[in-house]
C-alpha atoms as a PDB file:
ATOM      1  CA  MET A   1       0.000   0.000   0.000  1.00  0.00           C
ATOM      2  CA  THR A   2       1.381   3.428  -0.902  1.00  0.00           C
ATOM      3  CA  VAL A   3       1.204   6.490   1.292  1.00  0.00           C
ATOM      4  CA  SER A   4      -1.270   8.115  -1.101  1.00  0.00           C
ATOM      5  CA  GLN A   5      -3.625   5.136  -0.710  1.00  0.00           C
ATOM      6  CA  THR A   6      -3.289   5.338   3.055  1.00  0.00           C
ATOM      7  CA  VAL A   7      -3.969   9.028   3.669  1.00  0.00           C
ATOM      8  CA  GLY A   8      -7.117  10.887   2.793  1.00  0.00           C
ATOM      9  CA  ARG A   9      -7.646  14.198   4.519  1.00  0.00           C
ATOM     10  CA  TYR A  10      -5.527  14.576   7.601  1.00  0.00           C
ATOM     11  CA  ARG A  11      -4.204  17.265   9.828  1.00  0.00           C
ATOM     12  CA  ARG A  12      -1.404  15.679  11.797  1.00  0.00           C
ATOM     13  CA  ILE A  13       1.316  13.218  10.885  1.00  0.00           C
ATOM     14  CA  VAL A  14       4.192  11.803  12.909  1.00  0.00           C
ATOM     15  CA  GLY A  15       7.515  10.752  11.419  1.00  0.00           C
ATOM     16  CA  ILE A  16       9.571   8.201  13.339  1.00  0.00           C
ATOM     17  CA  ASP A  17      13.086   7.162  12.362  1.00  0.00           C
ATOM     18  CA  PRO A  18      13.865   4.092  14.505  1.00  0.00           C
ATOM     19  CA  ALA A  19      17.597   3.825  15.121  1.00  0.00           C
ATOM     20  CA  ALA A  20      20.062   3.525  17.989  1.00  0.00           C
ATOM     21  CA  LYS A  21      18.847   7.034  18.764  1.00  0.00           C
ATOM     22  CA  THR A  22      15.284   7.268  17.465  1.00  0.00           C
ATOM     23  CA  GLY A  23      14.085  10.610  16.154  1.00  0.00           C
ATOM     24  CA  TRP A  24      10.416  11.575  16.023  1.00  0.00           C
ATOM     25  CA  ALA A  25       8.503  14.644  14.883  1.00  0.00           C
ATOM     26  CA  VAL A  26       4.866  15.769  14.863  1.00  0.00           C
ATOM     27  CA  LEU A  27       3.841  17.902  11.876  1.00  0.00           C
ATOM     28  CA  ASP A  28       0.569  19.716  11.255  1.00  0.00           C
ATOM     29  CA  ALA A  29      -0.793  20.181   7.754  1.00  0.00           C
ATOM     30  CA  GLU A  30      -4.026  22.123   8.033  1.00  0.00           C
ATOM     31  CA  GLY A  31      -5.773  23.439   4.954  1.00  0.00           C
ATOM     32  CA  ARG A  32      -3.735  25.974   3.023  1.00  0.00           C
ATOM     33  CA  ARG A  33      -1.469  26.835   5.932  1.00  0.00           C
ATOM     34  CA  PRO A  34       2.205  25.910   5.598  1.00  0.00           C
ATOM     35  CA  LEU A  35       3.395  22.743   7.275  1.00  0.00           C
ATOM     36  CA  ARG A  36       4.662  23.281  10.785  1.00  0.00           C
ATOM     37  CA  VAL A  37       6.622  21.211  13.259  1.00  0.00           C
ATOM     38  CA  VAL A  38       4.585  20.938  16.469  1.00  0.00           C
ATOM     39  CA  GLN A  39       6.969  18.743  18.453  1.00  0.00           C
ATOM     40  CA  ALA A  40      10.192  16.852  17.865  1.00  0.00           C
ATOM     41  CA  GLY A  41      12.355  14.683  20.055  1.00  0.00           C
ATOM     42  CA  SER A  42      14.707  11.758  20.224  1.00  0.00           C
ATOM     43  CA  LEU A  43      15.241   8.830  22.557  1.00  0.00           C
ATOM     44  CA  ARG A  44      17.205   5.666  23.136  1.00  0.00           C
ATOM     45  CA  PRO A  45      14.605   3.095  22.069  1.00  0.00           C
ATOM     46  CA  ASP A  46      14.372   0.645  24.947  1.00  0.00           C
ATOM     47  CA  ALA A  47      10.964  -0.950  25.607  1.00  0.00           C
ATOM     48  CA  ASN A  48       9.974   1.623  28.265  1.00  0.00           C
ATOM     49  CA  ALA A  49      10.972   4.642  26.177  1.00  0.00           C
ATOM     50  CA  VAL A  50       9.053   3.355  23.145  1.00  0.00           C
ATOM     51  CA  ALA A  51       5.954   2.667  25.259  1.00  0.00           C
ATOM     52  CA  GLN A  52       6.132   6.160  26.803  1.00  0.00           C
ATOM     53  CA  LEU A  53       6.438   7.792  23.383  1.00  0.00           C
ATOM     54  CA  VAL A  54       3.517   5.772  22.000  1.00  0.00           C
ATOM     55  CA  ARG A  55       1.407   6.854  25.005  1.00  0.00           C
ATOM     56  CA  HIS A  56       2.425  10.474  24.491  1.00  0.00           C
ATOM     57  CA  LEU A  57       1.717  10.463  20.764  1.00  0.00           C
ATOM     58  CA  THR A  58      -1.701   8.823  21.186  1.00  0.00           C
ATOM     59  CA  GLN A  59      -3.002  11.328  23.755  1.00  0.00           C
ATOM     60  CA  PRO A  60      -6.038  13.203  22.421  1.00  0.00           C
ATOM     61  CA  SER A  61      -4.127  16.513  22.349  1.00  0.00           C
ATOM     62  CA  VAL A  62      -1.339  15.040  20.176  1.00  0.00           C
ATOM     63  CA  ARG A  63      -2.947  12.063  18.386  1.00  0.00           C
ATOM     64  CA  PRO A  64      -1.900  11.925  14.726  1.00  0.00           C
ATOM     65  CA  ASP A  65      -3.916  10.785  11.742  1.00  0.00           C
ATOM     66  CA  LEU A  66      -0.948   8.795  10.457  1.00  0.00           C
ATOM     67  CA  ILE A  67       2.433   7.515  11.611  1.00  0.00           C
ATOM     68  CA  ALA A  68       5.167   7.439   8.949  1.00  0.00           C
ATOM     69  CA  LEU A  69       7.675   4.887  10.232  1.00  0.00           C
ATOM     70  CA  GLU A  70      10.973   4.429   8.443  1.00  0.00           C
ATOM     71  CA  ASP A  71      11.458   0.840   7.344  1.00  0.00           C
ATOM     72  CA  GLN A  72      14.784  -0.871   7.894  1.00  0.00           C
ATOM     73  CA  PHE A  73      17.227  -1.953   5.280  1.00  0.00           C
ATOM     74  CA  PHE A  74      19.829  -4.652   5.593  1.00  0.00           C
ATOM     75  CA  GLY A  75      23.298  -3.275   6.108  1.00  0.00           C
ATOM     76  CA  ARG A  76      26.365  -5.211   7.139  1.00  0.00           C
ATOM     77  CA  ASN A  77      25.536  -5.672  10.810  1.00  0.00           C
ATOM     78  CA  VAL A  78      22.905  -8.327  11.502  1.00  0.00           C
ATOM     79  CA  HIS A  79      22.830  -7.484  15.238  1.00  0.00           C
ATOM     80  CA  THR A  80      21.928  -3.858  14.457  1.00  0.00           C
ATOM     81  CA  LEU A  81      19.245  -4.972  12.007  1.00  0.00           C
ATOM     82  CA  LYS A  82      17.672  -7.185  14.675  1.00  0.00           C
ATOM     83  CA  LYS A  83      17.582  -4.269  17.144  1.00  0.00           C
ATOM     84  CA  LEU A  84      16.012  -1.975  14.552  1.00  0.00           C
ATOM     85  CA  VAL A  85      13.351  -4.527  13.630  1.00  0.00           C
ATOM     86  CA  GLU A  86      12.595  -5.042  17.334  1.00  0.00           C
ATOM     87  CA  THR A  87      12.183  -1.284  17.828  1.00  0.00           C
ATOM     88  CA  ARG A  88      10.030  -0.920  14.712  1.00  0.00           C
ATOM     89  CA  SER A  89       7.850  -3.817  15.897  1.00  0.00           C
ATOM     90  CA  ARG A  90       7.323  -2.181  19.300  1.00  0.00           C
ATOM     91  CA  PHE A  91       6.174   1.016  17.624  1.00  0.00           C
ATOM     92  CA  MET A  92       3.899  -0.811  15.196  1.00  0.00           C
ATOM     93  CA  GLN A  93       2.285  -2.881  17.928  1.00  0.00           C
ATOM     94  CA  GLY A  94       1.778   0.126  20.211  1.00  0.00           C
ATOM     95  CA  PHE A  95       0.140   2.216  17.500  1.00  0.00           C
ATOM     96  CA  GLU A  96      -1.972  -0.705  16.278  1.00  0.00           C
ATOM     97  CA  VAL A  97      -3.354  -1.232  19.787  1.00  0.00           C
ATOM     98  CA  ALA A  98      -4.092   2.517  19.971  1.00  0.00           C
ATOM     99  CA  GLY A  99      -5.850   2.419  16.593  1.00  0.00           C
ATOM    100  CA  VAL A 100      -3.443   4.759  14.785  1.00  0.00           C
ATOM    101  CA  ARG A 101      -2.579   3.927  11.201  1.00  0.00           C
ATOM    102  CA  VAL A 102       1.097   3.244  10.442  1.00  0.00           C
ATOM    103  CA  VAL A 103       2.740   3.222   7.041  1.00  0.00           C
ATOM    104  CA  LEU A 104       6.284   1.889   6.545  1.00  0.00           C
ATOM    105  CA  ILE A 105       8.467   4.015   4.286  1.00  0.00           C
ATOM    106  CA  PRO A 106      11.879   2.834   3.099  1.00  0.00           C
ATOM    107  CA  ALA A 107      14.602   5.394   3.810  1.00  0.00           C
ATOM    108  CA  ASN A 108      15.628   5.538   0.170  1.00  0.00           C
ATOM    109  CA  ASP A 109      12.051   6.401  -0.884  1.00  0.00           C
ATOM    110  CA  TRP A 110      11.723   9.506   1.264  1.00  0.00           C
ATOM    111  CA  GLN A 111      15.339  10.572   0.857  1.00  0.00           C
ATOM    112  CA  MET A 112      15.322  10.350  -2.937  1.00  0.00           C
ATOM    113  CA  GLY A 113      11.758  11.666  -3.124  1.00  0.00           C
ATOM    114  CA  LEU A 114      12.429  14.713  -0.965  1.00  0.00           C
ATOM    115  CA  LEU A 115      16.140  15.358  -1.414  1.00  0.00           C
ATOM    116  CA  LYS A 116      16.675  14.446  -5.066  1.00  0.00           C
ATOM    117  CA  GLY A 117      19.098  16.877  -6.585  1.00  0.00           C
ATOM    118  CA  ILE A 118      20.829  17.355  -3.237  1.00  0.00           C
ATOM    119  CA  ILE A 119      21.765  13.686  -2.881  1.00  0.00           C
ATOM    120  CA  HIS A 120      21.946  10.751  -5.271  1.00  0.00           C
ATOM    121  CA  ALA A 121      21.436   6.991  -4.943  1.00  0.00           C
ATOM    122  CA  LYS A 122      25.076   6.386  -3.980  1.00  0.00           C
ATOM    123  CA  SER A 123      25.307   9.221  -1.423  1.00  0.00           C
ATOM    124  CA  LYS A 124      26.896   8.250   1.874  1.00  0.00           C
ATOM    125  CA  ARG A 125      24.890   8.172   5.083  1.00  0.00           C
ATOM    126  CA  LYS A 126      26.511  11.329   6.501  1.00  0.00           C
ATOM    127  CA  ASP A 127      25.729  13.225   3.263  1.00  0.00           C
ATOM    128  CA  ARG A 128      22.090  12.084   3.342  1.00  0.00           C
ATOM    129  CA  LYS A 129      21.765  13.167   6.973  1.00  0.00           C
ATOM    130  CA  ALA A 130      23.358  16.546   6.272  1.00  0.00           C
ATOM    131  CA  ALA A 131      21.003  17.080   3.321  1.00  0.00           C
ATOM    132  CA  ALA A 132      17.944  16.219   5.434  1.00  0.00           C
ATOM    133  CA  LYS A 133      19.017  18.673   8.120  1.00  0.00           C
ATOM    134  CA  LYS A 134      19.636  21.430   5.583  1.00  0.00           C
ATOM    135  CA  TYR A 135      16.302  20.808   3.851  1.00  0.00           C
ATOM    136  CA  GLY A 136      14.428  20.787   7.166  1.00  0.00           C
ATOM    137  CA  GLN A 137      16.112  23.974   8.344  1.00  0.00           C
ATOM    138  CA  LEU A 138      15.249  25.756   5.094  1.00  0.00           C
ATOM    139  CA  LEU A 139      11.615  24.689   5.326  1.00  0.00           C
ATOM    140  CA  PHE A 140      10.968  24.996   9.075  1.00  0.00           C
ATOM    141  CA  GLY A 141      13.762  27.144  10.518  1.00  0.00           C
ATOM    142  CA  GLU A 142      16.874  26.189  12.422  1.00  0.00           C
ATOM    143  CA  HIS A 143      15.181  25.503  15.762  1.00  0.00           C
ATOM    144  CA  ALA A 144      12.365  23.159  14.674  1.00  0.00           C
ATOM    145  CA  ALA A 145      14.495  20.139  15.596  1.00  0.00           C
ATOM    146  CA  ALA A 146      17.464  19.741  17.910  1.00  0.00           C
ATOM    147  CA  ASN A 147      19.556  16.989  16.303  1.00  0.00           C
ATOM    148  CA  GLN A 148      20.062  14.928  13.180  1.00  0.00           C
ATOM    149  CA  ASP A 149      17.716  12.138  14.304  1.00  0.00           C
ATOM    150  CA  GLU A 150      14.886  14.649  14.747  1.00  0.00           C
ATOM    151  CA  TRP A 151      15.618  16.252  11.354  1.00  0.00           C
ATOM    152  CA  ASP A 152      15.337  12.832   9.699  1.00  0.00           C
ATOM    153  CA  ALA A 153      11.935  12.347  11.346  1.00  0.00           C
ATOM    154  CA  VAL A 154      10.818  15.840  10.256  1.00  0.00           C
ATOM    155  CA  CYS A 155      11.811  15.095   6.654  1.00  0.00           C
ATOM    156  CA  LEU A 156      10.216  11.634   6.734  1.00  0.00           C
ATOM    157  CA  ALA A 157       6.902  13.145   7.873  1.00  0.00           C
ATOM    158  CA  THR A 158       7.227  15.948   5.296  1.00  0.00           C
ATOM    159  CA  TRP A 159       7.718  13.421   2.514  1.00  0.00           C
ATOM    160  CA  ALA A 160       4.739  11.354   3.700  1.00  0.00           C
ATOM    161  CA  ILE A 161       2.508  14.447   3.624  1.00  0.00           C
ATOM    162  CA  ARG A 162       3.721  15.418   0.162  1.00  0.00           C
ATOM    163  CA  ALA A 163       3.357  11.856  -1.081  1.00  0.00           C
ATOM    164  CA  ALA A 164      -0.221  11.775   0.173  1.00  0.00           C
ATOM    165  CA  LEU A 165      -1.049  15.104  -1.466  1.00  0.00           C
ATOM    166  CA  TRP A 166       0.646  14.408  -4.780  1.00  0.00           C
ATOM    167  CA  GLY A 167       0.338  10.644  -5.040  1.00  0.00           C
ATOM    168  CA  ALA A 168       3.997   9.671  -4.762  1.00  0.00           C
ATOM    169  CA  LYS A 169       4.682   5.981  -4.297  1.00  0.00           C
END
């Protein structure tokens, strides 16, 4: 299922980039107003921290219409991949129980969809992260997120909103 099939009209979307330090961001997209970052944060994703974040994000005052969760890719380190899948699974289960829709988005999809022209398919991780930060700062200002993990989450959510509006796959 693509993002555009998942999202109809919505006002709030959360981007989550599960990693050793997980970044998350809440974006509002209301009517013709520009996108805005409502909240952003990062955490070490142990079971308690993930559960606390899920509880926070599903409160009525914060509750999103959609969670854009970055999907993992297989690198060289199987141990890291297992940890990332475990973290992603905790998020998915928590949001499913809370009744919030989650869509998995491969990192390459949002990075190439949002940052094309700044990065290319063979860009190194540090270059992709720097490009996401720069893009986010240009769009939302320098203080919308505090660190690279949060900027990745901001950009992931931004791409999901744009994909929903313009039918990107």
